[in-house]
Amino acid sequence: MLSNKQKTPAQTVINEVCKIKKGETVLIIANPETNLIAQDLYLAAQEVEAKPTLMYQPKKTIMDMAEKAVIGAIKTEPDVIFSISANKLGKDADAIANPYVMENGETYDNTFDYLLSGKKCMRAVWTPGLTQDMFNRTVQIDYELLRKRCDAICALYEDALTVHVTSPGGTDVLVPVNGREALVDDGDFSKPGSGGNVPSGEVFISPQLPGVGESKGINGTIVFDGSMTFSSGDAMLKTPIKVKLVDGFVTDISGGEEAKRLLKDITTAEKEALLMESNGRLEKGQGTIYSRNARNIGELGIGLNPAANITGNMLEDEKAFRTCHFAIGQNYDGDAPALIHFDGIVREPTLTINYRDGHSYTLIENGNLKLD
C-alpha cells in the first residue's frame, strides 16, 4: 500500500478520505476553473475501478441556483458526490419551493443535503474555492491524529452549557450550546451519510436558538480579523469587522468598507427571502423565517488542519490552527434556514467551555489548543 507521501492528493482523497470501492458510482461536479483537480479525481476513481462521471456547470455564487442538469444528476443517488466548485454548488430551486420532508418532520431544501443528511444514502465531498495549490498543500496530512483531536473535542462538548469566546481583536461572546451536538470534518467520509470538505480539519457546532429551553441565544461581540465570506466570494480583511449580537441575532455591524459590504449582502439575503415567498419560490411563511435567519449565528468552528493557513480563501482559512470561526446565516442543525452562510475568521481566540455543574474547561488559550 502506498503511503500518503507516495500518493497524489487525488489518490489520497479517493483511497483514504472516501475509501471508494470497485463498482461504486461517483459523480464529480466541477467548474472550468477546477477542471484539473476534477480530472485527477476522475482518474483516481478509475484506478480503483469505480464508475465515475464528470460534469461541468458555470461558477456559482451563494445566491445562484445550480443547473437543472446538475440537480438531475444528483437525484440519480450516486454512492459518492464530489462538488469541486470554484465557489458554490448552487441552490436547488425545486427543493426550495417544495422541500423534502422526512418522517420525523425534518425538511431539506436541497437534494444534495436530503440524500446526504436525510436519507443518508450517499457520502460527499464539497470544496468551495479549492485551488490547485491548496489541494497540493493541505490534503496529505495525518488523518489519524486529526480524527483523535476531533473525537476529543466532541467529547468535551458533551453536556456543555455555553462556550465563552474571547480574542485579542475584541471578540467577547457567550455561545449557548446546550443540547447541540458537535459535528466534525475529520477526513473520514467512508460511510453513507458522511461528508465534508477537502481540505478537512475542523470541529463545529450550531449555537442553541433563542427561546429553546433556557437559551436567550448568542450574545456579545464578534470581531472578525482574518478573512470573511461575502456573496461574491471570500476575502482577507483589511479592516476588522465588529458584529454585535443580542439574543441570537446580529443587531449592528461596524468597521470599514468591508463591514458595509457584509451588511449589504445580509440585507440582500433578507429581502430576497421575502421576494422568494411572494413569487412562490418559498412556501408561505418561510420567507419571514429565511429573512430573520440572515442575521442568525449558525456556527462556531475550530480549525485543526496543521497544513492550512489564512490565505483569504475560507475553505482553507477555517481549517487553520490558532483560529476559530463563526458563520452568519444558516446553521447545520436544520432549524435555522437562510439563503446565506457567511464564515468569518477570528485569530488567536480563547475558548472556554462551561458546564451546568459550574466547572469549565479552556479548550483553546490565546490560539493554543489545550487538549490533555
Protein backbone atom coordinates (compact mmCIF):
# COMPACT_ATOMS: atom_id res chain seq x y z
CA MET A 1 0.00 0.00 0.00
CA LEU A 2 1.29 3.44 -0.89
CA SER A 3 1.92 5.96 1.87
CA ASN A 4 0.40 9.45 1.71
CA LYS A 5 3.78 10.81 0.56
CA GLN A 6 3.76 8.40 -2.38
CA LYS A 7 0.16 9.08 -3.38
CA THR A 8 -1.08 12.10 -5.29
CA PRO A 9 -3.58 14.31 -3.41
CA ALA A 10 -6.38 12.89 -5.59
CA GLN A 11 -5.37 9.33 -4.75
CA THR A 12 -5.33 10.22 -1.05
CA VAL A 13 -8.87 11.59 -1.29
CA ILE A 14 -10.17 8.57 -3.22
CA ASN A 15 -8.37 5.91 -1.17
CA GLU A 16 -8.05 7.30 2.37
CA VAL A 17 -10.68 10.03 2.76
CA CYS A 18 -13.60 8.45 0.87
CA LYS A 19 -12.34 4.85 0.66
CA ILE A 20 -14.05 4.40 -2.70
CA LYS A 21 -14.51 0.78 -3.75
CA LYS A 22 -14.70 -1.11 -7.00
CA GLY A 23 -18.06 -0.65 -8.73
CA GLU A 24 -19.20 2.39 -6.73
CA THR A 25 -20.81 5.21 -8.69
CA VAL A 26 -19.04 8.55 -8.34
CA LEU A 27 -20.45 11.88 -9.55
CA ILE A 28 -17.93 14.74 -9.91
CA ILE A 29 -19.43 18.21 -10.44
CA ALA A 30 -16.91 20.87 -11.44
CA ASN A 31 -16.46 24.30 -12.98
CA PRO A 32 -13.96 25.15 -15.74
CA GLU A 33 -11.81 26.78 -13.03
CA THR A 34 -11.49 23.46 -11.14
CA ASN A 35 -11.04 21.29 -14.22
CA LEU A 36 -7.61 19.83 -13.42
CA ILE A 37 -8.49 18.75 -9.87
CA ALA A 38 -11.75 17.21 -11.08
CA GLN A 39 -9.93 15.27 -13.79
CA ASP A 40 -7.37 13.99 -11.26
CA LEU A 41 -10.19 12.72 -9.05
CA TYR A 42 -11.87 11.11 -12.06
CA LEU A 43 -8.70 9.23 -12.99
CA ALA A 44 -8.01 8.22 -9.37
CA ALA A 45 -11.56 6.82 -9.14
CA GLN A 46 -10.98 4.87 -12.32
CA GLU A 47 -7.80 3.40 -10.83
CA VAL A 48 -9.85 1.68 -8.09
CA GLU A 49 -12.38 0.51 -10.72
CA ALA A 50 -15.18 2.77 -9.56
CA LYS A 51 -17.66 4.23 -12.05
CA PRO A 52 -17.01 7.98 -12.20
CA THR A 53 -19.00 10.60 -14.13
CA LEU A 54 -17.64 14.13 -14.59
CA MET A 55 -19.87 17.10 -15.43
CA TYR A 56 -19.43 20.86 -15.54
CA GLN A 57 -21.52 23.92 -14.79
CA PRO A 58 -20.66 27.65 -14.68
CA LYS A 59 -19.18 29.04 -11.46
CA LYS A 60 -21.95 29.75 -8.95
CA THR A 61 -22.23 32.25 -6.08
CA ILE A 62 -24.04 31.62 -2.80
CA MET A 63 -27.23 33.20 -4.21
CA ASP A 64 -27.24 31.30 -7.55
CA MET A 65 -29.21 28.20 -8.47
CA ALA A 66 -27.43 25.05 -9.61
CA GLU A 67 -28.10 23.97 -13.19
CA LYS A 68 -31.11 21.68 -13.55
CA ALA A 69 -28.93 19.01 -15.17
CA VAL A 70 -26.70 19.03 -12.09
CA ILE A 71 -29.65 18.56 -9.73
CA GLY A 72 -30.94 15.83 -12.05
CA ALA A 73 -27.60 14.02 -11.83
CA ILE A 74 -27.62 14.27 -8.03
CA LYS A 75 -31.10 12.73 -8.00
CA THR A 76 -29.66 9.54 -9.52
CA GLU A 77 -28.30 8.90 -5.99
CA PRO A 78 -24.66 8.05 -6.71
CA ASP A 79 -22.63 6.41 -3.96
CA VAL A 80 -20.28 9.39 -3.77
CA ILE A 81 -20.57 13.01 -4.92
CA PHE A 82 -17.69 15.44 -5.31
CA SER A 83 -18.68 19.10 -5.62
CA ILE A 84 -15.39 20.56 -6.85
CA SER A 85 -16.58 24.15 -7.08
CA ALA A 86 -14.70 27.39 -7.58
CA ASN A 87 -17.26 29.00 -5.25
CA LYS A 88 -20.54 27.15 -4.59
CA LEU A 89 -22.53 24.21 -5.92
CA GLY A 90 -25.65 26.36 -6.19
CA LYS A 91 -29.09 26.14 -4.64
CA ASP A 92 -31.84 23.69 -5.60
CA ALA A 93 -34.76 25.77 -6.94
CA ASP A 94 -37.30 22.91 -6.90
CA ALA A 95 -36.44 21.77 -3.38
CA ILE A 96 -36.57 25.34 -2.05
CA ALA A 97 -40.10 25.67 -3.44
CA ASN A 98 -41.09 22.14 -2.33
CA PRO A 99 -38.77 20.93 0.43
CA TYR A 100 -38.17 17.27 1.15
CA VAL A 101 -39.88 16.25 4.40
CA MET A 102 -38.62 13.33 6.47
CA GLU A 103 -40.87 11.17 8.63
CA ASN A 104 -39.53 12.92 11.72
CA GLY A 105 -40.51 16.30 10.29
CA GLU A 106 -37.02 17.43 9.25
CA THR A 107 -37.02 19.36 5.98
CA TYR A 108 -34.34 19.76 3.31
CA ASP A 109 -34.29 22.47 0.66
CA ASN A 110 -31.55 20.84 -1.43
CA THR A 111 -31.46 17.34 -2.96
CA PHE A 112 -27.77 17.10 -2.08
CA ASP A 113 -28.47 17.66 1.64
CA TYR A 114 -31.53 15.40 1.56
CA LEU A 115 -29.58 12.42 0.20
CA LEU A 116 -26.54 13.04 2.42
CA SER A 117 -28.09 14.01 5.76
CA GLY A 118 -31.70 12.89 5.37
CA LYS A 119 -31.71 9.54 3.59
CA LYS A 120 -28.00 9.02 4.37
CA CYS A 121 -27.68 7.02 1.16
CA MET A 122 -24.54 8.68 -0.15
CA ARG A 123 -21.32 10.28 1.02
CA ALA A 124 -19.90 13.51 -0.27
CA VAL A 125 -17.04 15.98 -0.54
CA TRP A 126 -17.57 19.67 -1.25
CA THR A 127 -14.75 22.13 -1.89
CA PRO A 128 -15.96 25.74 -2.28
CA GLY A 129 -12.99 27.72 -3.56
CA LEU A 130 -10.49 24.87 -3.87
CA THR A 131 -7.30 25.74 -5.75
CA GLN A 132 -4.54 23.51 -7.08
CA ASP A 133 -2.04 24.98 -4.63
CA MET A 134 -4.35 24.38 -1.68
CA PHE A 135 -5.12 20.84 -2.86
CA ASN A 136 -1.40 20.05 -3.09
CA ARG A 137 -0.53 21.55 0.33
CA THR A 138 -3.38 20.56 2.66
CA VAL A 139 -4.68 17.10 1.72
CA GLN A 140 -1.83 14.79 2.67
CA ILE A 141 -1.94 15.17 6.46
CA ASP A 142 -2.01 12.77 9.42
CA TYR A 143 -5.71 11.83 9.37
CA GLU A 144 -5.40 9.51 12.35
CA LEU A 145 -4.18 12.40 14.53
CA LEU A 146 -6.85 14.72 13.13
CA ARG A 147 -9.59 12.23 13.98
CA LYS A 148 -8.26 11.75 17.53
CA ARG A 149 -8.37 15.52 18.08
CA CYS A 150 -11.87 15.78 16.64
CA ASP A 151 -13.12 12.96 18.88
CA ALA A 152 -11.56 14.56 21.95
CA ILE A 153 -13.17 17.94 21.27
CA CYS A 154 -16.57 16.37 20.59
CA ALA A 155 -16.35 14.59 23.94
CA LEU A 156 -15.63 17.91 25.66
CA TYR A 157 -18.78 19.41 24.12
CA GLU A 158 -20.96 16.73 25.70
CA ASP A 159 -23.16 18.25 28.44
CA ALA A 160 -21.76 21.71 27.70
CA LEU A 161 -23.96 24.67 28.53
CA THR A 162 -22.13 27.61 26.94
CA VAL A 163 -18.85 28.48 25.24
CA HIS A 164 -17.17 31.78 26.11
CA VAL A 165 -15.04 33.05 23.21
CA THR A 166 -12.65 35.98 23.53
CA SER A 167 -9.78 37.24 21.37
CA PRO A 168 -7.12 39.96 21.34
CA GLY A 169 -9.03 41.61 18.49
CA GLY A 170 -12.03 42.31 20.74
CA THR A 171 -14.27 39.26 20.45
CA ASP A 172 -16.21 38.60 23.66
CA VAL A 173 -19.24 36.43 23.12
CA LEU A 174 -21.18 33.79 25.05
CA VAL A 175 -22.42 30.96 22.83
CA PRO A 176 -25.24 28.72 24.16
CA VAL A 177 -24.74 25.10 23.03
CA ASN A 178 -26.92 23.14 25.47
CA GLY A 179 -28.46 20.20 23.61
CA ARG A 180 -26.36 20.75 20.49
CA GLU A 181 -24.09 18.03 19.12
CA ALA A 182 -20.63 18.87 17.85
CA LEU A 183 -20.00 17.92 14.23
CA VAL A 184 -16.69 17.09 12.61
CA ASP A 185 -14.90 17.47 9.32
CA ASP A 186 -12.27 14.84 10.08
CA GLY A 187 -11.47 13.48 6.63
CA ASP A 188 -13.36 10.22 7.14
CA PHE A 189 -16.10 10.14 4.52
CA SER A 190 -16.23 6.38 4.13
CA LYS A 191 -19.73 5.65 5.44
CA PRO A 192 -23.12 6.58 3.90
CA GLY A 193 -24.31 9.85 5.37
CA SER A 194 -20.78 11.16 5.96
CA GLY A 195 -19.24 14.09 4.15
CA GLY A 196 -17.29 17.30 4.43
CA ASN A 197 -14.58 19.45 2.95
CA VAL A 198 -11.28 18.81 1.29
CA PRO A 199 -9.14 20.08 2.89
CA SER A 200 -10.56 18.62 6.09
CA GLY A 201 -9.91 19.67 9.65
CA GLU A 202 -12.49 21.26 11.92
CA VAL A 203 -15.00 20.68 14.71
CA PHE A 204 -18.10 22.85 14.55
CA ILE A 205 -21.34 23.32 16.45
CA SER A 206 -24.56 25.27 15.91
CA PRO A 207 -25.43 27.71 18.70
CA GLN A 208 -28.68 26.99 20.52
CA LEU A 209 -31.51 29.11 19.19
CA PRO A 210 -33.18 31.79 21.35
CA GLY A 211 -36.34 30.63 23.07
CA VAL A 212 -35.27 26.99 23.17
CA GLY A 213 -35.15 25.85 26.79
CA GLU A 214 -33.29 28.42 28.86
CA SER A 215 -31.46 29.90 25.87
CA LYS A 216 -31.62 33.58 25.09
CA GLY A 217 -29.44 32.96 22.05
CA ILE A 218 -25.89 34.09 21.44
CA ASN A 219 -24.96 37.45 22.98
CA GLY A 220 -21.88 39.67 22.85
CA THR A 221 -19.44 40.90 20.24
CA ILE A 222 -17.54 39.09 17.50
CA VAL A 223 -14.61 40.83 15.81
CA PHE A 224 -13.66 39.17 12.53
CA ASP A 225 -9.98 39.95 11.91
CA GLY A 226 -8.81 37.26 9.48
CA SER A 227 -10.95 36.71 6.42
CA MET A 228 -14.67 36.79 5.57
CA THR A 229 -17.10 35.23 3.16
CA PHE A 230 -19.23 37.61 1.08
CA SER A 231 -21.87 36.89 -1.55
CA SER A 232 -19.30 37.19 -4.33
CA GLY A 233 -16.63 35.12 -2.56
CA ASP A 234 -14.01 35.21 0.20
CA ALA A 235 -11.50 37.92 1.02
CA MET A 236 -8.80 38.84 3.51
CA LEU A 237 -9.97 41.64 5.79
CA LYS A 238 -8.07 44.92 5.61
CA THR A 239 -10.15 46.31 8.47
CA PRO A 240 -11.71 44.16 11.22
CA ILE A 241 -15.48 43.77 11.17
CA LYS A 242 -17.21 44.22 14.54
CA VAL A 243 -20.55 42.43 14.88
CA LYS A 244 -22.84 42.98 17.86
CA LEU A 245 -25.23 40.17 18.84
CA VAL A 246 -28.31 40.46 21.00
CA ASP A 247 -30.47 37.44 21.90
CA GLY A 248 -29.30 35.34 18.99
CA PHE A 249 -29.15 37.81 16.11
CA VAL A 250 -26.84 40.38 14.56
CA THR A 251 -28.00 43.88 15.51
CA ASP A 252 -25.07 46.02 14.40
CA ILE A 253 -22.11 45.74 12.01
CA SER A 254 -19.28 48.27 12.08
CA GLY A 255 -15.80 48.73 10.65
CA GLY A 256 -14.64 49.90 7.24
CA GLU A 257 -15.78 49.27 3.68
CA GLU A 258 -15.82 45.51 4.25
CA ALA A 259 -18.32 45.92 7.10
CA LYS A 260 -20.56 47.88 4.74
CA ARG A 261 -20.17 45.12 2.16
CA LEU A 262 -21.19 42.45 4.69
CA LEU A 263 -24.22 44.46 5.81
CA LYS A 264 -25.27 44.94 2.19
CA ASP A 265 -25.02 41.20 1.49
CA ILE A 266 -27.03 40.32 4.61
CA THR A 267 -29.68 42.89 3.72
CA THR A 268 -29.90 41.48 0.20
CA ALA A 269 -30.46 37.98 1.60
CA GLU A 270 -33.21 39.30 3.89
CA LYS A 271 -35.03 40.99 1.01
CA GLU A 272 -34.50 38.11 -1.42
CA ALA A 273 -36.10 35.64 1.02
CA LEU A 274 -39.24 37.75 1.26
CA LEU A 275 -39.31 38.16 -2.53
CA MET A 276 -38.99 34.40 -2.99
CA GLU A 277 -42.02 33.85 -0.80
CA SER A 278 -44.05 36.46 -2.65
CA ASN A 279 -43.40 34.81 -6.03
CA GLY A 280 -43.92 31.26 -4.76
CA ARG A 281 -40.30 30.10 -4.64
CA LEU A 282 -40.60 29.72 -0.87
CA GLU A 283 -43.60 28.33 0.97
CA LYS A 284 -45.89 30.79 2.71
CA GLY A 285 -44.34 31.90 5.98
CA GLN A 286 -40.88 30.59 5.07
CA GLY A 287 -39.74 33.89 3.61
CA THR A 288 -40.01 35.55 7.01
CA ILE A 289 -38.05 32.72 8.64
CA TYR A 290 -35.30 32.77 6.00
CA SER A 291 -35.12 36.57 6.21
CA ARG A 292 -34.81 36.58 10.01
CA ASN A 293 -32.10 33.92 9.96
CA ALA A 294 -29.92 36.00 7.65
CA ARG A 295 -28.80 37.58 10.95
CA ASN A 296 -28.50 34.29 12.86
CA ILE A 297 -25.16 32.90 14.01
CA GLY A 298 -25.22 29.43 12.51
CA GLU A 299 -21.83 28.03 13.50
CA LEU A 300 -18.89 28.14 15.86
CA GLY A 301 -15.97 26.23 14.34
CA ILE A 302 -12.41 25.35 15.37
CA GLY A 303 -9.60 24.90 12.81
CA LEU A 304 -7.50 21.71 13.11
CA ASN A 305 -5.57 21.21 9.85
CA PRO A 306 -1.83 21.77 10.55
CA ALA A 307 -1.10 22.45 6.85
CA ALA A 308 -3.75 25.18 6.50
CA ASN A 309 -3.02 28.92 6.55
CA ILE A 310 -5.11 32.09 6.44
CA THR A 311 -4.99 33.00 2.77
CA GLY A 312 -8.28 34.75 2.06
CA ASN A 313 -9.88 31.51 0.90
CA MET A 314 -12.37 30.32 3.54
CA LEU A 315 -12.17 26.67 2.55
CA GLU A 316 -8.62 26.68 3.89
CA ASP A 317 -8.83 29.54 6.38
CA GLU A 318 -11.48 27.93 8.59
CA LYS A 319 -9.25 24.83 8.97
CA ALA A 320 -6.20 26.79 10.15
CA PHE A 321 -4.78 26.23 13.62
CA ARG A 322 -4.91 29.16 16.08
CA THR A 323 -8.29 30.28 14.74
CA CYS A 324 -11.97 29.85 15.29
CA HIS A 325 -14.74 30.98 13.02
CA PHE A 326 -18.37 31.99 13.22
CA ALA A 327 -20.92 31.87 10.42
CA ILE A 328 -23.72 34.36 9.86
CA GLY A 329 -26.87 32.74 8.46
CA GLN A 330 -27.96 29.12 8.09
CA ASN A 331 -26.89 26.58 10.69
CA TYR A 332 -26.05 22.88 10.43
CA ASP A 333 -28.87 21.53 12.58
CA GLY A 334 -31.60 22.33 10.07
CA ASP A 335 -33.66 24.57 12.36
CA ALA A 336 -32.35 27.94 11.14
CA PRO A 337 -32.67 28.01 7.34
CA ALA A 338 -31.35 31.03 5.46
CA LEU A 339 -30.12 31.93 2.00
CA ILE A 340 -26.62 32.67 3.26
CA HIS A 341 -23.84 31.15 5.38
CA PHE A 342 -21.01 33.69 5.68
CA ASP A 343 -17.97 32.43 7.61
CA GLY A 344 -15.59 34.82 9.32
CA ILE A 345 -12.22 34.11 10.96
CA VAL A 346 -11.22 35.15 14.49
CA ARG A 347 -7.47 35.00 15.19
CA GLU A 348 -5.78 33.76 18.39
CA PRO A 349 -9.03 33.00 20.27
CA THR A 350 -9.57 31.70 23.78
CA LEU A 351 -12.46 29.22 24.06
CA THR A 352 -13.73 28.17 27.47
CA ILE A 353 -16.46 25.54 27.71
CA ASN A 354 -18.84 25.96 30.66
CA TYR A 355 -20.88 23.13 32.13
CA ARG A 356 -24.13 23.07 34.10
CA ASP A 357 -22.39 21.87 37.29
CA GLY A 358 -20.33 25.06 37.33
CA HIS A 359 -16.97 23.77 36.16
CA SER A 360 -15.29 24.91 32.96
CA TYR A 361 -12.56 23.78 30.57
CA THR A 362 -10.33 26.06 28.49
CA LEU A 363 -10.03 24.26 25.16
CA ILE A 364 -8.03 26.96 23.37
CA GLU A 365 -5.97 29.65 25.09
CA ASN A 366 -4.61 32.53 23.00
CA GLY A 367 -4.76 30.32 19.93
CA ASN A 368 -3.10 27.29 21.57
CA LEU A 369 -5.05 24.03 21.60
CA LYS A 370 -5.08 22.68 25.17
CA LEU A 371 -6.09 19.04 24.80
CA ASP A 372 -4.84 16.80 27.63
